Amino acid sequence: MAVAVPSFDPPGTVQTGLTARYLGSMSKQPRWTQTWLGGVRSAGVDLGYPGERLGFPEEGKGAVAGFGRRLAALLIDWMICTWAIAQGIFRVSTYDAAWVGLLIFAVENLLLVGTIGMTFGMRLMNIRVAALDGGGPRLVPVIVRTILLCLALPALLLDRDRRGLHDRVSNTVVLRA
């Protein structure tokens, strides 16, 4: 039984037959790691911009906040809660500051996000929490969101609209203010 071996044409010549089909299909296909590491967007799938499915603008005020702003706001809030309040005001030991800081962080989120829609860090980073209709978040969703945010992992699992699991469960979204 004879096996056909593709012959590669010299550079500058027109590719014909099996060689053209083989090389043509390889050049159109992304490497398997491109879709795995870069997501479906790297494979050429157009998913639109983050927040498009939810009806939010692509840029400017009211657009879905990026991961960098959200992370910076979280770090600012965490430093305020653990260093300034827990250790500075309440004089909690360094060992206990993490747990006390987490409790203060939860209270800060409940009070500030529940009333004005943003924490201190969010205000500095010019972002806010909103309900999916664009208005302020309701009390029960804020409670659910805060509990899940304190668990940390749900906040790291983002969807294509940059909403963490805690945002999806509570029907909220973080927008640029």
Protein backbone atom coordinates (compact mmCIF):
# COMPACT_ATOMS: atom_id res chain seq x y z
CA MET A 1 0.00 0.00 0.00
CA ALA A 2 1.50 3.29 -1.09
CA VAL A 3 1.33 6.33 1.17
CA ALA A 4 1.22 9.73 -0.46
CA VAL A 5 3.84 12.05 1.01
CA PRO A 6 3.19 15.74 0.38
CA SER A 7 5.95 17.45 -1.52
CA PHE A 8 6.68 21.00 -0.49
CA ASP A 9 7.08 23.28 -3.47
CA PRO A 10 10.12 25.59 -3.60
CA PRO A 11 9.52 29.18 -2.48
CA GLY A 12 8.02 31.44 -5.11
CA THR A 13 6.10 28.69 -6.91
CA VAL A 14 2.37 28.15 -6.92
CA GLN A 15 1.32 25.48 -4.46
CA THR A 16 -0.86 22.76 -5.89
CA GLY A 17 -2.67 19.66 -4.75
CA LEU A 18 -2.10 18.18 -1.33
CA THR A 19 0.55 20.73 -0.35
CA ALA A 20 -1.82 23.67 -0.88
CA ARG A 21 -4.61 22.03 1.09
CA TYR A 22 -2.28 21.05 3.93
CA LEU A 23 -0.54 24.42 4.27
CA GLY A 24 -3.71 26.41 3.62
CA SER A 25 -5.62 24.71 6.42
CA MET A 26 -2.72 25.10 8.84
CA SER A 27 -2.35 28.84 8.25
CA LYS A 28 -6.06 29.49 8.90
CA GLN A 29 -6.27 27.53 12.13
CA PRO A 30 -5.06 29.11 15.40
CA ARG A 31 -2.66 27.17 17.53
CA TRP A 32 -4.50 25.20 20.21
CA THR A 33 -2.82 27.27 22.91
CA GLN A 34 -4.10 30.53 21.44
CA THR A 35 -7.72 29.73 22.21
CA TRP A 36 -6.84 28.11 25.51
CA LEU A 37 -4.70 30.96 26.85
CA GLY A 38 -6.29 33.91 25.10
CA GLY A 39 -9.91 32.80 25.22
CA VAL A 40 -12.31 32.70 22.33
CA ARG A 41 -11.55 36.31 21.38
CA SER A 42 -8.07 35.26 20.23
CA ALA A 43 -9.68 32.72 17.90
CA GLY A 44 -11.47 35.55 16.12
CA VAL A 45 -14.88 35.20 17.77
CA ASP A 46 -16.52 38.62 18.21
CA LEU A 47 -18.23 38.78 21.58
CA GLY A 48 -18.66 42.54 21.56
CA TYR A 49 -17.32 44.80 24.27
CA PRO A 50 -17.83 44.08 27.99
CA GLY A 51 -21.29 45.23 29.02
CA GLU A 52 -22.78 45.30 25.52
CA ARG A 53 -25.21 42.46 26.32
CA LEU A 54 -26.30 44.40 29.42
CA GLY A 55 -26.91 47.64 27.54
CA PHE A 56 -24.02 49.68 28.95
CA PRO A 57 -21.77 51.95 26.84
CA GLU A 58 -18.34 50.84 25.67
CA GLU A 59 -16.39 53.84 27.04
CA GLY A 60 -16.77 56.64 29.56
CA LYS A 61 -19.29 57.15 32.33
CA GLY A 62 -21.58 54.17 32.80
CA ALA A 63 -19.24 51.69 31.07
CA VAL A 64 -18.28 48.47 32.82
CA ALA A 65 -15.21 49.05 35.01
CA GLY A 66 -12.00 47.26 34.15
CA PHE A 67 -10.23 44.70 36.32
CA GLY A 68 -7.39 47.11 37.17
CA ARG A 69 -9.68 49.75 38.66
CA ARG A 70 -11.61 47.13 40.59
CA LEU A 71 -8.44 45.58 42.00
CA ALA A 72 -7.01 48.96 42.97
CA ALA A 73 -10.26 49.91 44.74
CA LEU A 74 -10.25 46.60 46.60
CA LEU A 75 -6.64 47.08 47.73
CA ILE A 76 -7.35 50.64 48.91
CA ASP A 77 -10.38 49.45 50.88
CA TRP A 78 -8.44 46.53 52.35
CA MET A 79 -5.60 48.82 53.51
CA ILE A 80 -8.07 51.26 55.04
CA CYS A 81 -9.89 48.47 56.88
CA THR A 82 -6.85 46.54 58.14
CA TRP A 83 -4.21 49.20 58.72
CA ALA A 84 -6.04 52.45 59.36
CA ILE A 85 -9.11 51.19 61.21
CA ALA A 86 -8.21 47.78 62.70
CA GLN A 87 -4.63 48.54 63.72
CA GLY A 88 -4.70 52.33 63.88
CA ILE A 89 -8.00 53.01 65.65
CA PHE A 90 -8.86 49.73 67.39
CA ARG A 91 -5.23 48.77 68.15
CA VAL A 92 -5.78 45.16 67.10
CA SER A 93 -2.67 42.96 67.03
CA THR A 94 -1.08 42.19 63.69
CA TYR A 95 -2.09 38.55 64.06
CA ASP A 96 -5.78 39.38 64.51
CA ALA A 97 -5.86 42.33 62.10
CA ALA A 98 -6.74 40.13 59.11
CA TRP A 99 -9.94 38.78 60.67
CA VAL A 100 -10.93 42.07 62.24
CA GLY A 101 -10.05 43.84 58.99
CA LEU A 102 -12.30 41.42 57.08
CA LEU A 103 -15.17 42.16 59.45
CA ILE A 104 -14.60 45.92 59.08
CA PHE A 105 -14.36 45.45 55.30
CA ALA A 106 -17.74 43.67 55.30
CA VAL A 107 -19.34 46.42 57.40
CA GLU A 108 -17.82 49.11 55.14
CA ASN A 109 -19.22 47.41 52.04
CA LEU A 110 -22.65 46.90 53.58
CA LEU A 111 -22.96 50.49 54.75
CA LEU A 112 -21.34 52.37 51.88
CA VAL A 113 -22.40 50.26 48.88
CA GLY A 114 -25.88 49.91 50.38
CA THR A 115 -26.29 53.68 50.78
CA ILE A 116 -24.16 55.52 48.21
CA GLY A 117 -23.21 52.66 45.87
CA MET A 118 -19.44 52.85 46.37
CA THR A 119 -16.72 52.40 48.98
CA PHE A 120 -13.79 54.74 49.69
CA GLY A 121 -11.56 52.85 47.27
CA MET A 122 -14.23 52.82 44.59
CA ARG A 123 -14.66 56.58 44.97
CA LEU A 124 -10.92 57.11 44.53
CA MET A 125 -10.91 54.86 41.44
CA ASN A 126 -14.07 56.52 40.06
CA ILE A 127 -16.23 53.37 39.96
CA ARG A 128 -19.53 52.40 41.55
CA VAL A 129 -21.77 49.39 42.11
CA ALA A 130 -25.09 49.51 40.27
CA ALA A 131 -28.08 47.26 39.74
CA LEU A 132 -28.47 45.89 36.22
CA ASP A 133 -30.95 48.66 35.42
CA GLY A 134 -28.21 51.24 36.15
CA GLY A 135 -29.71 52.45 39.43
CA GLY A 136 -28.44 51.94 42.95
CA PRO A 137 -28.18 48.40 44.32
CA ARG A 138 -30.91 47.15 46.68
CA LEU A 139 -30.22 46.07 50.27
CA VAL A 140 -30.59 42.28 49.93
CA PRO A 141 -28.34 42.07 46.84
CA VAL A 142 -25.74 44.18 48.67
CA ILE A 143 -25.78 41.74 51.60
CA VAL A 144 -25.36 38.73 49.28
CA ARG A 145 -22.66 40.53 47.28
CA THR A 146 -20.72 41.45 50.43
CA ILE A 147 -20.78 37.90 51.81
CA LEU A 148 -19.51 36.49 48.52
CA LEU A 149 -16.93 39.27 48.17
CA CYS A 150 -15.52 38.41 51.59
CA LEU A 151 -15.00 34.83 50.41
CA ALA A 152 -12.63 36.30 47.74
CA LEU A 153 -12.86 33.47 45.18
CA PRO A 154 -16.23 34.52 43.68
CA ALA A 155 -14.77 37.96 42.97
CA LEU A 156 -11.96 36.42 40.91
CA LEU A 157 -14.27 34.43 38.62
CA LEU A 158 -15.16 36.96 35.93
CA ASP A 159 -17.44 36.53 32.93
CA ARG A 160 -17.14 38.25 29.55
CA ASP A 161 -18.92 41.32 30.93
CA ARG A 162 -16.29 41.64 33.70
CA ARG A 163 -18.81 40.68 36.35
CA GLY A 164 -17.58 38.54 39.19
CA LEU A 165 -19.63 35.66 40.51
CA HIS A 166 -20.65 37.86 43.44
CA ASP A 167 -22.01 40.43 40.95
CA ARG A 168 -23.88 37.81 38.92
CA VAL A 169 -25.57 36.30 41.96
CA SER A 170 -26.62 39.70 43.29
CA ASN A 171 -27.60 41.09 39.84
CA THR A 172 -25.16 43.99 40.11
CA VAL A 173 -22.39 45.38 37.94
CA VAL A 174 -19.42 47.68 38.68
CA LEU A 175 -19.52 50.74 36.42
CA ARG A 176 -17.32 53.76 35.85
CA ALA A 177 -18.78 56.70 37.77
